[in-house]
Amino acid sequence: MKKQDQEREREAVGTGIAIGAGAGVALGVVLMNVLGQPAFLAVGIGCGMCFGAAVGLAVGQR
């Protein structure tokens, strides 16, 4: 039972990171176009991955 819970938590975290990275790319592209700095693409991806990991951990703990 514990192994299934760990697998479900890992799956939730992985899904959260993937969704967060996708949202981060979109955020980074918008920031890059609005502010005119290519470095904001990396900032957006980083923020999205962190947010996705946090959401994935929260969902995995349910």
PDB file of N, CA and C in Angstrom:
ATOM      1  N   MET A   1       0.826  -1.193   0.000  1.00  0.00           N
ATOM      2  CA  MET A   1       0.000   0.000   0.000  1.00  0.00           C
ATOM      3  C   MET A   1       0.870   1.256   0.000  1.00  0.00           C
ATOM      4  N   LYS A   2       1.930   1.224   0.796  1.00  0.00           N
ATOM      5  CA  LYS A   2       2.802   2.396   0.868  1.00  0.00           C
ATOM      6  C   LYS A   2       3.485   2.650  -0.476  1.00  0.00           C
ATOM      7  N   LYS A   3       3.830   1.565  -1.166  1.00  0.00           N
ATOM      8  CA  LYS A   3       4.485   1.713  -2.464  1.00  0.00           C
ATOM      9  C   LYS A   3       3.547   2.374  -3.468  1.00  0.00           C
ATOM     10  N   GLN A   4       2.270   2.012  -3.437  1.00  0.00           N
ATOM     11  CA  GLN A   4       1.295   2.632  -4.333  1.00  0.00           C
ATOM     12  C   GLN A   4       1.145   4.119  -4.031  1.00  0.00           C
ATOM     13  N   ASP A   5       1.168   4.472  -2.747  1.00  0.00           N
ATOM     14  CA  ASP A   5       1.067   5.885  -2.371  1.00  0.00           C
ATOM     15  C   ASP A   5       2.277   6.672  -2.864  1.00  0.00           C
ATOM     16  N   GLN A   6       3.458   6.076  -2.753  1.00  0.00           N
ATOM     17  CA  GLN A   6       4.663   6.747  -3.234  1.00  0.00           C
ATOM     18  C   GLN A   6       4.628   6.914  -4.748  1.00  0.00           C
ATOM     19  N   GLU A   7       4.152   5.903  -5.447  1.00  0.00           N
ATOM     20  CA  GLU A   7       4.047   6.002  -6.908  1.00  0.00           C
ATOM     21  C   GLU A   7       3.056   7.081  -7.309  1.00  0.00           C
ATOM     22  N   ARG A   8       1.940   7.158  -6.599  1.00  0.00           N
ATOM     23  CA  ARG A   8       0.937   8.177  -6.912  1.00  0.00           C
ATOM     24  C   ARG A   8       1.490   9.575  -6.637  1.00  0.00           C
ATOM     25  N   GLU A   9       2.247   9.713  -5.546  1.00  0.00           N
ATOM     26  CA  GLU A   9       2.842  11.015  -5.229  1.00  0.00           C
ATOM     27  C   GLU A   9       3.862  11.418  -6.292  1.00  0.00           C
ATOM     28  N   ARG A  10       4.692  10.481  -6.713  1.00  0.00           N
ATOM     29  CA  ARG A  10       5.679  10.779  -7.761  1.00  0.00           C
ATOM     30  C   ARG A  10       4.997  11.152  -9.067  1.00  0.00           C
ATOM     31  N   GLU A  11       3.910  10.461  -9.374  1.00  0.00           N
ATOM     32  CA  GLU A  11       3.171  10.774 -10.597  1.00  0.00           C
ATOM     33  C   GLU A  11       2.574  12.178 -10.522  1.00  0.00           C
ATOM     34  N   ALA A  12       2.032  12.540  -9.364  1.00  0.00           N
ATOM     35  CA  ALA A  12       1.449  13.875  -9.200  1.00  0.00           C
ATOM     36  C   ALA A  12       2.519  14.950  -9.305  1.00  0.00           C
ATOM     37  N   VAL A  13       3.677  14.708  -8.710  1.00  0.00           N
ATOM     38  CA  VAL A  13       4.766  15.687  -8.778  1.00  0.00           C
ATOM     39  C   VAL A  13       5.264  15.820 -10.216  1.00  0.00           C
ATOM     40  N   GLY A  14       5.435  14.704 -10.898  1.00  0.00           N
ATOM     41  CA  GLY A  14       5.886  14.748 -12.293  1.00  0.00           C
ATOM     42  C   GLY A  14       4.906  15.469 -13.197  1.00  0.00           C
ATOM     43  N   THR A  15       3.627  15.205 -12.991  1.00  0.00           N
ATOM     44  CA  THR A  15       2.607  15.892 -13.784  1.00  0.00           C
ATOM     45  C   THR A  15       2.601  17.377 -13.475  1.00  0.00           C
ATOM     46  N   GLY A  16       2.725  17.717 -12.196  1.00  0.00           N
ATOM     47  CA  GLY A  16       2.755  19.133 -11.805  1.00  0.00           C
ATOM     48  C   GLY A  16       3.938  19.867 -12.405  1.00  0.00           C
ATOM     49  N   ILE A  17       5.097  19.228 -12.415  1.00  0.00           N
ATOM     50  CA  ILE A  17       6.287  19.860 -12.990  1.00  0.00           C
ATOM     51  C   ILE A  17       6.107  20.055 -14.496  1.00  0.00           C
ATOM     52  N   ALA A  18       5.550  19.050 -15.172  1.00  0.00           N
ATOM     53  CA  ALA A  18       5.345  19.171 -16.621  1.00  0.00           C
ATOM     54  C   ALA A  18       4.363  20.289 -16.952  1.00  0.00           C
ATOM     55  N   ILE A  19       3.265  20.349 -16.222  1.00  0.00           N
ATOM     56  CA  ILE A  19       2.278  21.405 -16.463  1.00  0.00           C
ATOM     57  C   ILE A  19       2.876  22.766 -16.118  1.00  0.00           C
ATOM     58  N   GLY A  20       3.602  22.828 -15.012  1.00  0.00           N
ATOM     59  CA  GLY A  20       4.239  24.087 -14.617  1.00  0.00           C
ATOM     60  C   GLY A  20       5.273  24.557 -15.625  1.00  0.00           C
ATOM     61  N   ALA A  21       6.026  23.618 -16.193  1.00  0.00           N
ATOM     62  CA  ALA A  21       7.020  23.999 -17.195  1.00  0.00           C
ATOM     63  C   ALA A  21       6.342  24.546 -18.444  1.00  0.00           C
ATOM     64  N   GLY A  22       5.242  23.927 -18.843  1.00  0.00           N
ATOM     65  CA  GLY A  22       4.498  24.433 -20.000  1.00  0.00           C
ATOM     66  C   GLY A  22       3.949  25.826 -19.752  1.00  0.00           C
ATOM     67  N   ALA A  23       3.383  26.015 -18.570  1.00  0.00           N
ATOM     68  CA  ALA A  23       2.869  27.344 -18.220  1.00  0.00           C
ATOM     69  C   ALA A  23       4.014  28.342 -18.096  1.00  0.00           C
ATOM     70  N   GLY A  24       5.159  27.889 -17.599  1.00  0.00           N
ATOM     71  CA  GLY A  24       6.320  28.765 -17.475  1.00  0.00           C
ATOM     72  C   GLY A  24       6.850  29.218 -18.821  1.00  0.00           C
ATOM     73  N   VAL A  25       6.820  28.325 -19.806  1.00  0.00           N
ATOM     74  CA  VAL A  25       7.239  28.715 -21.156  1.00  0.00           C
ATOM     75  C   VAL A  25       6.315  29.797 -21.693  1.00  0.00           C
ATOM     76  N   ALA A  26       5.009  29.602 -21.496  1.00  0.00           N
ATOM     77  CA  ALA A  26       4.055  30.620 -21.956  1.00  0.00           C
ATOM     78  C   ALA A  26       4.291  31.943 -21.239  1.00  0.00           C
ATOM     79  N   LEU A  27       4.493  31.889 -19.927  1.00  0.00           N
ATOM     80  CA  LEU A  27       4.769  33.104 -19.158  1.00  0.00           C
ATOM     81  C   LEU A  27       6.062  33.757 -19.626  1.00  0.00           C
ATOM     82  N   GLY A  28       7.098  32.949 -19.847  1.00  0.00           N
ATOM     83  CA  GLY A  28       8.373  33.483 -20.303  1.00  0.00           C
ATOM     84  C   GLY A  28       8.291  34.136 -21.668  1.00  0.00           C
ATOM     85  N   VAL A  29       7.526  33.542 -22.580  1.00  0.00           N
ATOM     86  CA  VAL A  29       7.365  34.128 -23.915  1.00  0.00           C
ATOM     87  C   VAL A  29       6.646  35.468 -23.821  1.00  0.00           C
ATOM     88  N   VAL A  30       5.609  35.525 -22.992  1.00  0.00           N
ATOM     89  CA  VAL A  30       4.884  36.790 -22.817  1.00  0.00           C
ATOM     90  C   VAL A  30       5.804  37.847 -22.220  1.00  0.00           C
ATOM     91  N   LEU A  31       6.537  37.497 -21.164  1.00  0.00           N
ATOM     92  CA  LEU A  31       7.459  38.463 -20.552  1.00  0.00           C
ATOM     93  C   LEU A  31       8.540  38.890 -21.537  1.00  0.00           C
ATOM     94  N   MET A  32       9.045  37.934 -22.308  1.00  0.00           N
ATOM     95  CA  MET A  32      10.095  38.243 -23.271  1.00  0.00           C
ATOM     96  C   MET A  32       9.579  39.222 -24.327  1.00  0.00           C
ATOM     97  N   ASN A  33       8.363  39.012 -24.806  1.00  0.00           N
ATOM     98  CA  ASN A  33       7.810  39.896 -25.830  1.00  0.00           C
ATOM     99  C   ASN A  33       7.442  41.261 -25.267  1.00  0.00           C
ATOM    100  N   VAL A  34       6.902  41.300 -24.066  1.00  0.00           N
ATOM    101  CA  VAL A  34       6.473  42.572 -23.480  1.00  0.00           C
ATOM    102  C   VAL A  34       7.673  43.405 -23.044  1.00  0.00           C
ATOM    103  N   LEU A  35       8.627  42.764 -22.376  1.00  0.00           N
ATOM    104  CA  LEU A  35       9.757  43.505 -21.815  1.00  0.00           C
ATOM    105  C   LEU A  35      10.975  43.539 -22.733  1.00  0.00           C
ATOM    106  N   GLY A  36      10.999  42.704 -23.756  1.00  0.00           N
ATOM    107  CA  GLY A  36      12.075  42.751 -24.737  1.00  0.00           C
ATOM    108  C   GLY A  36      13.395  42.159 -24.279  1.00  0.00           C
ATOM    109  N   GLN A  37      13.374  41.312 -23.250  1.00  0.00           N
ATOM    110  CA  GLN A  37      14.602  40.686 -22.768  1.00  0.00           C
ATOM    111  C   GLN A  37      14.480  39.168 -22.894  1.00  0.00           C
ATOM    112  N   PRO A  38      15.351  38.531 -23.671  1.00  0.00           N
ATOM    113  CA  PRO A  38      15.267  37.075 -23.831  1.00  0.00           C
ATOM    114  C   PRO A  38      15.485  36.298 -22.529  1.00  0.00           C
ATOM    115  N   ALA A  39      16.155  36.894 -21.563  1.00  0.00           N
ATOM    116  CA  ALA A  39      16.424  36.194 -20.304  1.00  0.00           C
ATOM    117  C   ALA A  39      15.145  35.885 -19.534  1.00  0.00           C
ATOM    118  N   PHE A  40      14.070  36.617 -19.799  1.00  0.00           N
ATOM    119  CA  PHE A  40      12.829  36.375 -19.079  1.00  0.00           C
ATOM    120  C   PHE A  40      12.196  35.039 -19.459  1.00  0.00           C
ATOM    121  N   LEU A  41      12.596  34.452 -20.583  1.00  0.00           N
ATOM    122  CA  LEU A  41      12.108  33.123 -20.937  1.00  0.00           C
ATOM    123  C   LEU A  41      12.582  32.111 -19.890  1.00  0.00           C
ATOM    124  N   ALA A  42      13.852  32.180 -19.518  1.00  0.00           N
ATOM    125  CA  ALA A  42      14.389  31.282 -18.495  1.00  0.00           C
ATOM    126  C   ALA A  42      13.747  31.544 -17.136  1.00  0.00           C
ATOM    127  N   VAL A  43      13.505  32.805 -16.820  1.00  0.00           N
ATOM    128  CA  VAL A  43      12.855  33.148 -15.549  1.00  0.00           C
ATOM    129  C   VAL A  43      11.449  32.556 -15.510  1.00  0.00           C
ATOM    130  N   GLY A  44      10.716  32.677 -16.603  1.00  0.00           N
ATOM    131  CA  GLY A  44       9.364  32.121 -16.671  1.00  0.00           C
ATOM    132  C   GLY A  44       9.353  30.612 -16.523  1.00  0.00           C
ATOM    133  N   ILE A  45      10.290  29.941 -17.176  1.00  0.00           N
ATOM    134  CA  ILE A  45      10.365  28.484 -17.073  1.00  0.00           C
ATOM    135  C   ILE A  45      10.693  28.074 -15.641  1.00  0.00           C
ATOM    136  N   GLY A  46      11.643  28.760 -15.021  1.00  0.00           N
ATOM    137  CA  GLY A  46      12.004  28.449 -13.635  1.00  0.00           C
ATOM    138  C   GLY A  46      10.848  28.652 -12.677  1.00  0.00           C
ATOM    139  N   CYS A  47      10.147  29.758 -12.817  1.00  0.00           N
ATOM    140  CA  CYS A  47       8.989  30.032 -11.953  1.00  0.00           C
ATOM    141  C   CYS A  47       7.896  28.993 -12.176  1.00  0.00           C
ATOM    142  N   GLY A  48       7.647  28.660 -13.421  1.00  0.00           N
ATOM    143  CA  GLY A  48       6.618  27.666 -13.723  1.00  0.00           C
ATOM    144  C   GLY A  48       6.947  26.293 -13.166  1.00  0.00           C
ATOM    145  N   MET A  49       8.204  25.881 -13.261  1.00  0.00           N
ATOM    146  CA  MET A  49       8.594  24.578 -12.729  1.00  0.00           C
ATOM    147  C   MET A  49       8.484  24.544 -11.212  1.00  0.00           C
ATOM    148  N   CYS A  50       8.884  25.627 -10.549  1.00  0.00           N
ATOM    149  CA  CYS A  50       8.766  25.686  -9.086  1.00  0.00           C
ATOM    150  C   CYS A  50       7.307  25.639  -8.658  1.00  0.00           C
ATOM    151  N   PHE A  51       6.472  26.413  -9.335  1.00  0.00           N
ATOM    152  CA  PHE A  51       5.050  26.419  -9.016  1.00  0.00           C
ATOM    153  C   PHE A  51       4.437  25.046  -9.293  1.00  0.00           C
ATOM    154  N   GLY A  52       4.807  24.437 -10.402  1.00  0.00           N
ATOM    155  CA  GLY A  52       4.297  23.108 -10.736  1.00  0.00           C
ATOM    156  C   GLY A  52       4.723  22.054  -9.730  1.00  0.00           C
ATOM    157  N   ALA A  53       5.965  22.128  -9.266  1.00  0.00           N
ATOM    158  CA  ALA A  53       6.431  21.181  -8.256  1.00  0.00           C
ATOM    159  C   ALA A  53       5.671  21.365  -6.950  1.00  0.00           C
ATOM    160  N   ALA A  54       5.425  22.612  -6.563  1.00  0.00           N
ATOM    161  CA  ALA A  54       4.677  22.876  -5.329  1.00  0.00           C
ATOM    162  C   ALA A  54       3.255  22.344  -5.431  1.00  0.00           C
ATOM    163  N   VAL A  55       2.610  22.578  -6.557  1.00  0.00           N
ATOM    164  CA  VAL A  55       1.242  22.074  -6.743  1.00  0.00           C
ATOM    165  C   VAL A  55       1.245  20.549  -6.781  1.00  0.00           C
ATOM    166  N   GLY A  56       2.217  19.968  -7.460  1.00  0.00           N
ATOM    167  CA  GLY A  56       2.315  18.511  -7.516  1.00  0.00           C
ATOM    168  C   GLY A  56       2.523  17.894  -6.148  1.00  0.00           C
ATOM    169  N   LEU A  57       3.359  18.511  -5.313  1.00  0.00           N
ATOM    170  CA  LEU A  57       3.559  18.009  -3.955  1.00  0.00           C
ATOM    171  C   LEU A  57       2.292  18.139  -3.126  1.00  0.00           C
ATOM    172  N   ALA A  58       1.590  19.244  -3.288  1.00  0.00           N
ATOM    173  CA  ALA A  58       0.344  19.442  -2.539  1.00  0.00           C
ATOM    174  C   ALA A  58      -0.698  18.399  -2.942  1.00  0.00           C
ATOM    175  N   VAL A  59      -0.802  18.137  -4.236  1.00  0.00           N
ATOM    176  CA  VAL A  59      -1.767  17.136  -4.701  1.00  0.00           C
ATOM    177  C   VAL A  59      -1.333  15.739  -4.263  1.00  0.00           C
ATOM    178  N   GLY A  60      -0.034  15.480  -4.295  1.00  0.00           N
ATOM    179  CA  GLY A  60       0.479  14.177  -3.894  1.00  0.00           C
ATOM    180  C   GLY A  60       0.272  13.870  -2.424  1.00  0.00           C
ATOM    181  N   GLN A  61       0.184  14.884  -1.592  1.00  0.00           N
ATOM    182  CA  GLN A  61      -0.010  14.686  -0.158  1.00  0.00           C
ATOM    183  C   GLN A  61      -1.465  14.412   0.218  1.00  0.00           C
ATOM    184  N   ARG A  62      -2.380  14.626  -0.710  1.00  0.00           N
ATOM    185  CA  ARG A  62      -3.800  14.408  -0.417  1.00  0.00           C
ATOM    186  C   ARG A  62      -4.108  12.964  -0.208  1.00  0.00           C
TER     187      ARG A  62
END
